[in-house]
Amino acid sequence: MIVWSSLIAVAVAAEVELGVGRAALIQLDPPPTAVNVTRSKVADVRAASPALLVIGRAPGTTALTVTQAGQPVPIEIIVDEDTMKDPTGIGVLPAGPRVVVAPSSGAICRLPFAPSGITRMETGLLRVEAFDGTWYWIQSDAVGAFDVVFERTRGLPLILTIVTQGEPAVPEGCLAPEFTVTVPVGGEVTIPVGRQVAGVLVGHPSLVGVTPDGRSVKMRGLAPGRTSVLVRSEAGDAPWLRTVVVVPPAE
């Protein structure tokens, strides 16, 4: 499971900078009694006790004012168009785990808690879906880095960064496809999965159709492209997952 490290209160940030689609936690001591942001279209700011959660929405600058011990404290929030820019600034807590995958691919991660809410950029290119218990599939069809915030009722949220640039690598508690299945458009293959199939998730359903068949799955190529297929079992084992490449039919 992913483990969130212990956190230490530090001085309030005078400036915080992050990329679009990225999230930052700012540790405040003492905790603020009021928060006001002038341009919510640039950055979304809300309480994530004992910190503040800042999410970059659009390139630009906005003023954040927090009230501490009865005194207003100004913080400048700068959102850069570069999604690869990690959050920086005095008081910004260390970044969470990074999940590096190929574009149009993803990883499945087991969280150490059942999230009370999920926040992500609504780009249409980032998919986050519950799969089995506290396992969550995270997939990006965009190039860059994007954060997914898993919130909890008590304690700090967990921020996972999915990156589609660089050598693929996933942290402990996450799994990415290691093997590839190739199927032609209009063709069908039967793949043993070594377990009784209880459910299936397809990264891009328009590319491949998948039908459970006992301890196997039948895959039918629908359109050329690359996607992922996940299988969960009734026994609650770690998910079975594969990269599936659909190729044009042989002439």
C-alpha atoms as a PDB file:
ATOM      1  CA  MET A   1       0.000   0.000   0.000  1.00  0.00           C
ATOM      2  CA  ILE A   2       1.017   3.605  -0.512  1.00  0.00           C
ATOM      3  CA  VAL A   3       2.113   5.169   2.768  1.00  0.00           C
ATOM      4  CA  TRP A   4       1.923   8.902   3.382  1.00  0.00           C
ATOM      5  CA  SER A   5       4.882  10.166   5.403  1.00  0.00           C
ATOM      6  CA  SER A   6       4.487  12.140   8.637  1.00  0.00           C
ATOM      7  CA  LEU A   7       4.302  15.898   8.238  1.00  0.00           C
ATOM      8  CA  ILE A   8       5.843  18.767  10.200  1.00  0.00           C
ATOM      9  CA  ALA A   9       4.367  22.277  10.408  1.00  0.00           C
ATOM     10  CA  VAL A  10       6.489  24.960   8.776  1.00  0.00           C
ATOM     11  CA  ALA A  11       6.261  28.681   8.175  1.00  0.00           C
ATOM     12  CA  VAL A  12       3.491  29.974   5.918  1.00  0.00           C
ATOM     13  CA  ALA A  13       4.347  30.405   2.233  1.00  0.00           C
ATOM     14  CA  ALA A  14       4.670  33.918   0.817  1.00  0.00           C
ATOM     15  CA  GLU A  15       4.519  32.489  -2.714  1.00  0.00           C
ATOM     16  CA  VAL A  16       3.405  29.169  -4.143  1.00  0.00           C
ATOM     17  CA  GLU A  17       4.030  28.107  -7.746  1.00  0.00           C
ATOM     18  CA  LEU A  18       2.651  25.034  -9.506  1.00  0.00           C
ATOM     19  CA  GLY A  19       1.637  23.807 -12.955  1.00  0.00           C
ATOM     20  CA  VAL A  20      -1.825  23.544 -14.447  1.00  0.00           C
ATOM     21  CA  GLY A  21      -3.482  20.338 -13.296  1.00  0.00           C
ATOM     22  CA  ARG A  22      -1.183  20.056 -10.297  1.00  0.00           C
ATOM     23  CA  ALA A  23      -2.037  20.164  -6.587  1.00  0.00           C
ATOM     24  CA  ALA A  24      -0.122  21.345  -3.538  1.00  0.00           C
ATOM     25  CA  LEU A  25      -0.588  21.073   0.200  1.00  0.00           C
ATOM     26  CA  ILE A  26       0.459  24.093   2.259  1.00  0.00           C
ATOM     27  CA  GLN A  27       1.057  23.475   5.958  1.00  0.00           C
ATOM     28  CA  LEU A  28      -0.122  26.383   8.103  1.00  0.00           C
ATOM     29  CA  ASP A  29       0.603  26.858  11.791  1.00  0.00           C
ATOM     30  CA  PRO A  30      -1.556  28.111  13.393  1.00  0.00           C
ATOM     31  CA  PRO A  31      -4.398  26.876  11.155  1.00  0.00           C
ATOM     32  CA  PRO A  32      -6.236  29.668   9.304  1.00  0.00           C
ATOM     33  CA  THR A  33      -9.691  30.761  10.427  1.00  0.00           C
ATOM     34  CA  ALA A  34     -10.591  32.261   7.034  1.00  0.00           C
ATOM     35  CA  VAL A  35      -9.413  31.842   3.422  1.00  0.00           C
ATOM     36  CA  ASN A  36     -10.071  34.079   0.420  1.00  0.00           C
ATOM     37  CA  VAL A  37      -8.816  33.702  -3.167  1.00  0.00           C
ATOM     38  CA  THR A  38      -9.392  36.458  -5.723  1.00  0.00           C
ATOM     39  CA  ARG A  39      -9.376  34.423  -8.949  1.00  0.00           C
ATOM     40  CA  SER A  40     -10.819  30.961  -8.428  1.00  0.00           C
ATOM     41  CA  LYS A  41     -10.553  30.245 -12.166  1.00  0.00           C
ATOM     42  CA  VAL A  42      -6.760  30.301 -11.779  1.00  0.00           C
ATOM     43  CA  ALA A  43      -6.497  28.305  -8.543  1.00  0.00           C
ATOM     44  CA  ASP A  44      -8.914  26.445  -6.330  1.00  0.00           C
ATOM     45  CA  VAL A  45      -8.072  26.704  -2.615  1.00  0.00           C
ATOM     46  CA  ARG A  46      -9.801  24.865   0.192  1.00  0.00           C
ATOM     47  CA  ALA A  47      -9.188  23.491   3.653  1.00  0.00           C
ATOM     48  CA  ALA A  48      -7.568  20.070   4.022  1.00  0.00           C
ATOM     49  CA  SER A  49      -6.994  20.146   7.774  1.00  0.00           C
ATOM     50  CA  PRO A  50      -4.346  20.712   9.024  1.00  0.00           C
ATOM     51  CA  ALA A  51      -3.287  22.186   5.656  1.00  0.00           C
ATOM     52  CA  LEU A  52      -4.615  24.017   2.622  1.00  0.00           C
ATOM     53  CA  LEU A  53      -5.126  22.260  -0.705  1.00  0.00           C
ATOM     54  CA  VAL A  54      -4.241  24.385  -3.760  1.00  0.00           C
ATOM     55  CA  ILE A  55      -5.136  23.158  -7.267  1.00  0.00           C
ATOM     56  CA  GLY A  56      -3.857  24.879 -10.416  1.00  0.00           C
ATOM     57  CA  ARG A  57      -6.773  25.413 -12.785  1.00  0.00           C
ATOM     58  CA  ALA A  58      -5.469  27.812 -15.462  1.00  0.00           C
ATOM     59  CA  PRO A  59      -2.251  29.760 -16.167  1.00  0.00           C
ATOM     60  CA  GLY A  60      -2.055  33.037 -14.279  1.00  0.00           C
ATOM     61  CA  THR A  61      -1.581  34.626 -10.885  1.00  0.00           C
ATOM     62  CA  THR A  62      -4.036  35.053  -8.030  1.00  0.00           C
ATOM     63  CA  ALA A  63      -3.903  36.483  -4.532  1.00  0.00           C
ATOM     64  CA  LEU A  64      -4.699  34.245  -1.593  1.00  0.00           C
ATOM     65  CA  THR A  65      -5.356  35.760   1.832  1.00  0.00           C
ATOM     66  CA  VAL A  66      -5.530  33.593   4.929  1.00  0.00           C
ATOM     67  CA  THR A  67      -6.408  34.815   8.405  1.00  0.00           C
ATOM     68  CA  GLN A  68      -4.154  33.521  11.171  1.00  0.00           C
ATOM     69  CA  ALA A  69      -4.477  34.580  14.797  1.00  0.00           C
ATOM     70  CA  GLY A  70      -6.725  37.422  13.663  1.00  0.00           C
ATOM     71  CA  GLN A  71      -4.186  38.750  11.144  1.00  0.00           C
ATOM     72  CA  PRO A  72      -4.435  38.600   7.325  1.00  0.00           C
ATOM     73  CA  VAL A  73      -1.498  36.824   5.643  1.00  0.00           C
ATOM     74  CA  PRO A  74      -1.067  37.320   1.855  1.00  0.00           C
ATOM     75  CA  ILE A  75       0.119  34.438  -0.360  1.00  0.00           C
ATOM     76  CA  GLU A  76       0.678  34.784  -4.106  1.00  0.00           C
ATOM     77  CA  ILE A  77      -0.379  31.754  -6.158  1.00  0.00           C
ATOM     78  CA  ILE A  78       1.343  31.406  -9.559  1.00  0.00           C
ATOM     79  CA  VAL A  79       0.019  28.764 -11.961  1.00  0.00           C
ATOM     80  CA  ASP A  80       2.329  27.862 -14.835  1.00  0.00           C
ATOM     81  CA  GLU A  81       1.069  26.349 -18.114  1.00  0.00           C
ATOM     82  CA  ASP A  82       3.779  23.676 -17.828  1.00  0.00           C
ATOM     83  CA  THR A  83       2.106  20.660 -16.221  1.00  0.00           C
ATOM     84  CA  MET A  84       5.516  19.165 -15.418  1.00  0.00           C
ATOM     85  CA  LYS A  85       6.260  21.966 -12.938  1.00  0.00           C
ATOM     86  CA  ASP A  86       6.151  20.509  -9.429  1.00  0.00           C
ATOM     87  CA  PRO A  87       4.687  22.697  -6.663  1.00  0.00           C
ATOM     88  CA  THR A  88       7.230  24.903  -4.902  1.00  0.00           C
ATOM     89  CA  GLY A  89       7.172  27.565  -2.205  1.00  0.00           C
ATOM     90  CA  ILE A  90       7.801  28.025   1.481  1.00  0.00           C
ATOM     91  CA  GLY A  91       5.425  25.800   3.405  1.00  0.00           C
ATOM     92  CA  VAL A  92       4.614  23.521   0.458  1.00  0.00           C
ATOM     93  CA  LEU A  93       4.724  19.928   1.655  1.00  0.00           C
ATOM     94  CA  PRO A  94       6.747  17.280  -0.218  1.00  0.00           C
ATOM     95  CA  ALA A  95       5.098  15.908  -3.341  1.00  0.00           C
ATOM     96  CA  GLY A  96       3.291  12.580  -3.177  1.00  0.00           C
ATOM     97  CA  PRO A  97       4.086   9.403  -5.126  1.00  0.00           C
ATOM     98  CA  ARG A  98       4.719   9.636  -8.894  1.00  0.00           C
ATOM     99  CA  VAL A  99       3.244   7.117 -11.314  1.00  0.00           C
ATOM    100  CA  VAL A 100       5.135   7.212 -14.636  1.00  0.00           C
ATOM    101  CA  VAL A 101       3.392   5.433 -17.525  1.00  0.00           C
ATOM    102  CA  ALA A 102       3.307   5.507 -21.315  1.00  0.00           C
ATOM    103  CA  PRO A 103       0.723   7.836 -22.936  1.00  0.00           C
ATOM    104  CA  SER A 104      -2.742   6.231 -23.232  1.00  0.00           C
ATOM    105  CA  SER A 105      -1.714   3.799 -20.527  1.00  0.00           C
ATOM    106  CA  GLY A 106      -2.122   3.851 -16.761  1.00  0.00           C
ATOM    107  CA  ALA A 107      -1.617   2.078 -13.473  1.00  0.00           C
ATOM    108  CA  ILE A 108      -3.780   0.621 -10.762  1.00  0.00           C
ATOM    109  CA  CYS A 109      -2.995   1.692  -7.202  1.00  0.00           C
ATOM    110  CA  ARG A 110      -4.133   0.369  -3.859  1.00  0.00           C
ATOM    111  CA  LEU A 111      -4.867   3.168  -1.404  1.00  0.00           C
ATOM    112  CA  PRO A 112      -4.333   2.848   2.369  1.00  0.00           C
ATOM    113  CA  PHE A 113      -7.857   4.217   2.963  1.00  0.00           C
ATOM    114  CA  ALA A 114     -11.277   4.473   1.331  1.00  0.00           C
ATOM    115  CA  PRO A 115     -11.376   8.005  -0.130  1.00  0.00           C
ATOM    116  CA  SER A 116     -14.236  10.326   0.809  1.00  0.00           C
ATOM    117  CA  GLY A 117     -13.795  12.229  -2.451  1.00  0.00           C
ATOM    118  CA  ILE A 118     -11.606  12.481  -5.563  1.00  0.00           C
ATOM    119  CA  THR A 119     -10.437  15.720  -7.201  1.00  0.00           C
ATOM    120  CA  ARG A 120      -8.763  15.916 -10.608  1.00  0.00           C
ATOM    121  CA  MET A 121      -8.551  18.227 -13.579  1.00  0.00           C
ATOM    122  CA  GLU A 122     -11.614  17.867 -15.801  1.00  0.00           C
ATOM    123  CA  THR A 123      -9.655  17.621 -19.058  1.00  0.00           C
ATOM    124  CA  GLY A 124     -11.468  14.588 -20.416  1.00  0.00           C
ATOM    125  CA  LEU A 125      -8.041  13.000 -20.818  1.00  0.00           C
ATOM    126  CA  LEU A 126      -7.578  11.775 -17.242  1.00  0.00           C
ATOM    127  CA  ARG A 127      -9.576   8.804 -16.026  1.00  0.00           C
ATOM    128  CA  VAL A 128      -9.843   7.731 -12.385  1.00  0.00           C
ATOM    129  CA  GLU A 129     -12.075   4.780 -11.571  1.00  0.00           C
ATOM    130  CA  ALA A 130     -12.647   2.549  -8.558  1.00  0.00           C
ATOM    131  CA  PHE A 131     -11.967  -1.061  -9.520  1.00  0.00           C
ATOM    132  CA  ASP A 132     -11.979  -3.400  -6.534  1.00  0.00           C
ATOM    133  CA  GLY A 133     -12.078  -2.302  -2.894  1.00  0.00           C
ATOM    134  CA  THR A 134      -9.418   0.375  -2.479  1.00  0.00           C
ATOM    135  CA  TRP A 135      -7.808  -0.346  -5.878  1.00  0.00           C
ATOM    136  CA  TYR A 136      -8.117   2.601  -8.307  1.00  0.00           C
ATOM    137  CA  TRP A 137      -7.315   2.689 -12.010  1.00  0.00           C
ATOM    138  CA  ILE A 138      -5.613   5.945 -13.125  1.00  0.00           C
ATOM    139  CA  GLN A 139      -5.140   6.564 -16.843  1.00  0.00           C
ATOM    140  CA  SER A 140      -3.910   9.590 -18.803  1.00  0.00           C
ATOM    141  CA  ASP A 141      -4.358  10.213 -22.515  1.00  0.00           C
ATOM    142  CA  ALA A 142      -2.510  13.533 -22.278  1.00  0.00           C
ATOM    143  CA  VAL A 143       1.236  14.203 -22.318  1.00  0.00           C
ATOM    144  CA  GLY A 144       2.620  15.769 -19.150  1.00  0.00           C
ATOM    145  CA  ALA A 145       1.988  15.455 -15.419  1.00  0.00           C
ATOM    146  CA  PHE A 146      -1.379  15.596 -13.662  1.00  0.00           C
ATOM    147  CA  ASP A 147      -2.366  15.202 -10.031  1.00  0.00           C
ATOM    148  CA  VAL A 148      -5.211  13.204  -8.570  1.00  0.00           C
ATOM    149  CA  VAL A 149      -6.258  14.135  -5.026  1.00  0.00           C
ATOM    150  CA  PHE A 150      -7.765  11.361  -2.911  1.00  0.00           C
ATOM    151  CA  GLU A 151      -9.497  13.036   0.010  1.00  0.00           C
ATOM    152  CA  ARG A 152     -10.332  11.525   3.384  1.00  0.00           C
ATOM    153  CA  THR A 153     -12.663  12.489   6.193  1.00  0.00           C
ATOM    154  CA  ARG A 154      -9.812  12.912   8.684  1.00  0.00           C
ATOM    155  CA  GLY A 155      -6.203  13.715   7.888  1.00  0.00           C
ATOM    156  CA  LEU A 156      -4.384  15.049   4.869  1.00  0.00           C
ATOM    157  CA  PRO A 157      -5.400  13.951   1.376  1.00  0.00           C
ATOM    158  CA  LEU A 158      -3.131  11.760  -0.732  1.00  0.00           C
ATOM    159  CA  ILE A 159      -1.869  13.295  -3.967  1.00  0.00           C
ATOM    160  CA  LEU A 160      -0.795  10.941  -6.751  1.00  0.00           C
ATOM    161  CA  THR A 161       0.989  12.406  -9.774  1.00  0.00           C
ATOM    162  CA  ILE A 162       0.541  10.542 -13.050  1.00  0.00           C
ATOM    163  CA  VAL A 163       3.302  11.336 -15.555  1.00  0.00           C
ATOM    164  CA  THR A 164       3.365  10.332 -19.227  1.00  0.00           C
ATOM    165  CA  GLN A 165       6.944  11.415 -19.938  1.00  0.00           C
ATOM    166  CA  GLY A 166      10.101   9.475 -19.081  1.00  0.00           C
ATOM    167  CA  GLU A 167      10.908   5.860 -18.251  1.00  0.00           C
ATOM    168  CA  PRO A 168       7.810   4.045 -16.897  1.00  0.00           C
ATOM    169  CA  ALA A 169       7.979   3.422 -13.137  1.00  0.00           C
ATOM    170  CA  VAL A 170       5.362   2.989 -10.432  1.00  0.00           C
ATOM    171  CA  PRO A 171       5.665   3.296  -6.632  1.00  0.00           C
ATOM    172  CA  GLU A 172       5.011   0.548  -4.123  1.00  0.00           C
ATOM    173  CA  GLY A 173       1.297  -0.132  -3.957  1.00  0.00           C
ATOM    174  CA  CYS A 174       0.763   0.428  -7.699  1.00  0.00           C
ATOM    175  CA  LEU A 175       0.836  -1.964 -10.642  1.00  0.00           C
ATOM    176  CA  ALA A 176       1.323  -1.234 -14.337  1.00  0.00           C
ATOM    177  CA  PRO A 177       0.979  -3.635 -17.280  1.00  0.00           C
ATOM    178  CA  GLU A 178       4.148  -5.652 -17.902  1.00  0.00           C
ATOM    179  CA  PHE A 179       2.955  -7.846 -20.770  1.00  0.00           C
ATOM    180  CA  THR A 180       1.298  -7.114 -24.113  1.00  0.00           C
ATOM    181  CA  VAL A 181      -1.472  -8.888 -26.020  1.00  0.00           C
ATOM    182  CA  THR A 182      -1.854  -8.211 -29.737  1.00  0.00           C
ATOM    183  CA  VAL A 183      -5.172  -8.671 -31.518  1.00  0.00           C
ATOM    184  CA  PRO A 184      -6.156  -7.636 -35.069  1.00  0.00           C
ATOM    185  CA  VAL A 185      -9.220  -5.563 -35.876  1.00  0.00           C
ATOM    186  CA  GLY A 186     -12.086  -8.003 -36.327  1.00  0.00           C
ATOM    187  CA  GLY A 187     -10.049 -10.814 -34.779  1.00  0.00           C
ATOM    188  CA  GLU A 188     -10.582 -12.526 -31.430  1.00  0.00           C
ATOM    189  CA  VAL A 189      -8.227 -14.121 -28.928  1.00  0.00           C
ATOM    190  CA  THR A 190      -8.890 -16.018 -25.705  1.00  0.00           C
ATOM    191  CA  ILE A 191      -6.443 -15.254 -22.887  1.00  0.00           C
ATOM    192  CA  PRO A 192      -6.235 -17.337 -19.667  1.00  0.00           C
ATOM    193  CA  VAL A 193      -6.031 -15.152 -16.555  1.00  0.00           C
ATOM    194  CA  GLY A 194      -5.517 -17.877 -13.946  1.00  0.00           C
ATOM    195  CA  ARG A 195      -8.540 -16.935 -11.830  1.00  0.00           C
ATOM    196  CA  GLN A 196     -12.311 -16.877 -11.914  1.00  0.00           C
ATOM    197  CA  VAL A 197     -13.213 -13.583 -13.578  1.00  0.00           C
ATOM    198  CA  ALA A 198     -15.473 -11.391 -11.446  1.00  0.00           C
ATOM    199  CA  GLY A 199     -15.143  -8.122 -13.343  1.00  0.00           C
ATOM    200  CA  VAL A 200     -13.347  -6.424 -16.235  1.00  0.00           C
ATOM    201  CA  LEU A 201     -12.224  -2.853 -16.900  1.00  0.00           C
ATOM    202  CA  VAL A 202     -11.078  -1.673 -20.339  1.00  0.00           C
ATOM    203  CA  GLY A 203      -9.069   1.519 -20.642  1.00  0.00           C
ATOM    204  CA  HIS A 204     -10.500   2.427 -24.072  1.00  0.00           C
ATOM    205  CA  PRO A 205     -13.652   0.371 -24.766  1.00  0.00           C
ATOM    206  CA  SER A 206     -13.825   1.715 -28.328  1.00  0.00           C
ATOM    207  CA  LEU A 207     -10.633  -0.196 -29.204  1.00  0.00           C
ATOM    208  CA  VAL A 208     -11.269  -3.671 -27.803  1.00  0.00           C
ATOM    209  CA  GLY A 209     -14.267  -5.614 -26.576  1.00  0.00           C
ATOM    210  CA  VAL A 210     -13.663  -7.965 -23.631  1.00  0.00           C
ATOM    211  CA  THR A 211     -15.971 -10.770 -22.497  1.00  0.00           C
ATOM    212  CA  PRO A 212     -15.404 -12.883 -19.342  1.00  0.00           C
ATOM    213  CA  ASP A 213     -15.235 -16.622 -19.997  1.00  0.00           C
ATOM    214  CA  GLY A 214     -14.717 -18.533 -16.752  1.00  0.00           C
ATOM    215  CA  ARG A 215     -10.999 -18.296 -15.977  1.00  0.00           C
ATOM    216  CA  SER A 216     -10.266 -16.553 -19.292  1.00  0.00           C
ATOM    217  CA  VAL A 217     -11.259 -13.434 -21.193  1.00  0.00           C
ATOM    218  CA  LYS A 218     -12.135 -13.149 -24.878  1.00  0.00           C
ATOM    219  CA  MET A 219     -10.761 -10.039 -26.576  1.00  0.00           C
ATOM    220  CA  ARG A 220     -12.063  -8.767 -29.899  1.00  0.00           C
ATOM    221  CA  GLY A 221     -10.270  -6.001 -31.824  1.00  0.00           C
ATOM    222  CA  LEU A 222     -12.547  -3.088 -32.708  1.00  0.00           C
ATOM    223  CA  ALA A 223     -10.205  -0.311 -33.872  1.00  0.00           C
ATOM    224  CA  PRO A 224      -6.423   0.187 -34.116  1.00  0.00           C
ATOM    225  CA  GLY A 225      -4.785   1.559 -30.994  1.00  0.00           C
ATOM    226  CA  ARG A 226      -3.258   0.820 -27.615  1.00  0.00           C
ATOM    227  CA  THR A 227      -5.125   0.314 -24.347  1.00  0.00           C
ATOM    228  CA  SER A 228      -5.165  -1.645 -21.086  1.00  0.00           C
ATOM    229  CA  VAL A 229      -7.374  -4.444 -19.789  1.00  0.00           C
ATOM    230  CA  LEU A 230      -7.822  -5.264 -16.081  1.00  0.00           C
ATOM    231  CA  VAL A 231      -9.441  -8.308 -14.521  1.00  0.00           C
ATOM    232  CA  ARG A 232     -10.535  -8.748 -10.902  1.00  0.00           C
ATOM    233  CA  SER A 233     -11.263 -12.075  -9.253  1.00  0.00           C
ATOM    234  CA  GLU A 234     -13.825 -13.229  -6.731  1.00  0.00           C
ATOM    235  CA  ALA A 235     -10.963 -14.109  -4.354  1.00  0.00           C
ATOM    236  CA  GLY A 236      -9.838 -10.475  -4.093  1.00  0.00           C
ATOM    237  CA  ASP A 237      -6.381 -11.129  -5.584  1.00  0.00           C
ATOM    238  CA  ALA A 238      -4.268  -8.312  -6.979  1.00  0.00           C
ATOM    239  CA  PRO A 239      -5.737  -7.289 -10.368  1.00  0.00           C
ATOM    240  CA  TRP A 240      -4.574  -9.020 -13.561  1.00  0.00           C
ATOM    241  CA  LEU A 241      -3.669  -6.441 -16.196  1.00  0.00           C
ATOM    242  CA  ARG A 242      -2.251  -6.352 -19.700  1.00  0.00           C
ATOM    243  CA  THR A 243      -1.467  -3.852 -22.410  1.00  0.00           C
ATOM    244  CA  VAL A 244      -3.550  -4.626 -25.504  1.00  0.00           C
ATOM    245  CA  VAL A 245      -2.441  -3.462 -28.941  1.00  0.00           C
ATOM    246  CA  VAL A 246      -5.058  -3.653 -31.666  1.00  0.00           C
ATOM    247  CA  VAL A 247      -3.500  -3.797 -35.128  1.00  0.00           C
ATOM    248  CA  PRO A 248      -5.072  -3.405 -38.584  1.00  0.00           C
ATOM    249  CA  PRO A 249      -6.364  -6.661 -40.068  1.00  0.00           C
ATOM    250  CA  ALA A 250      -3.995  -8.644 -42.248  1.00  0.00           C
ATOM    251  CA  GLU A 251      -4.571  -8.105 -45.936  1.00  0.00           C
END
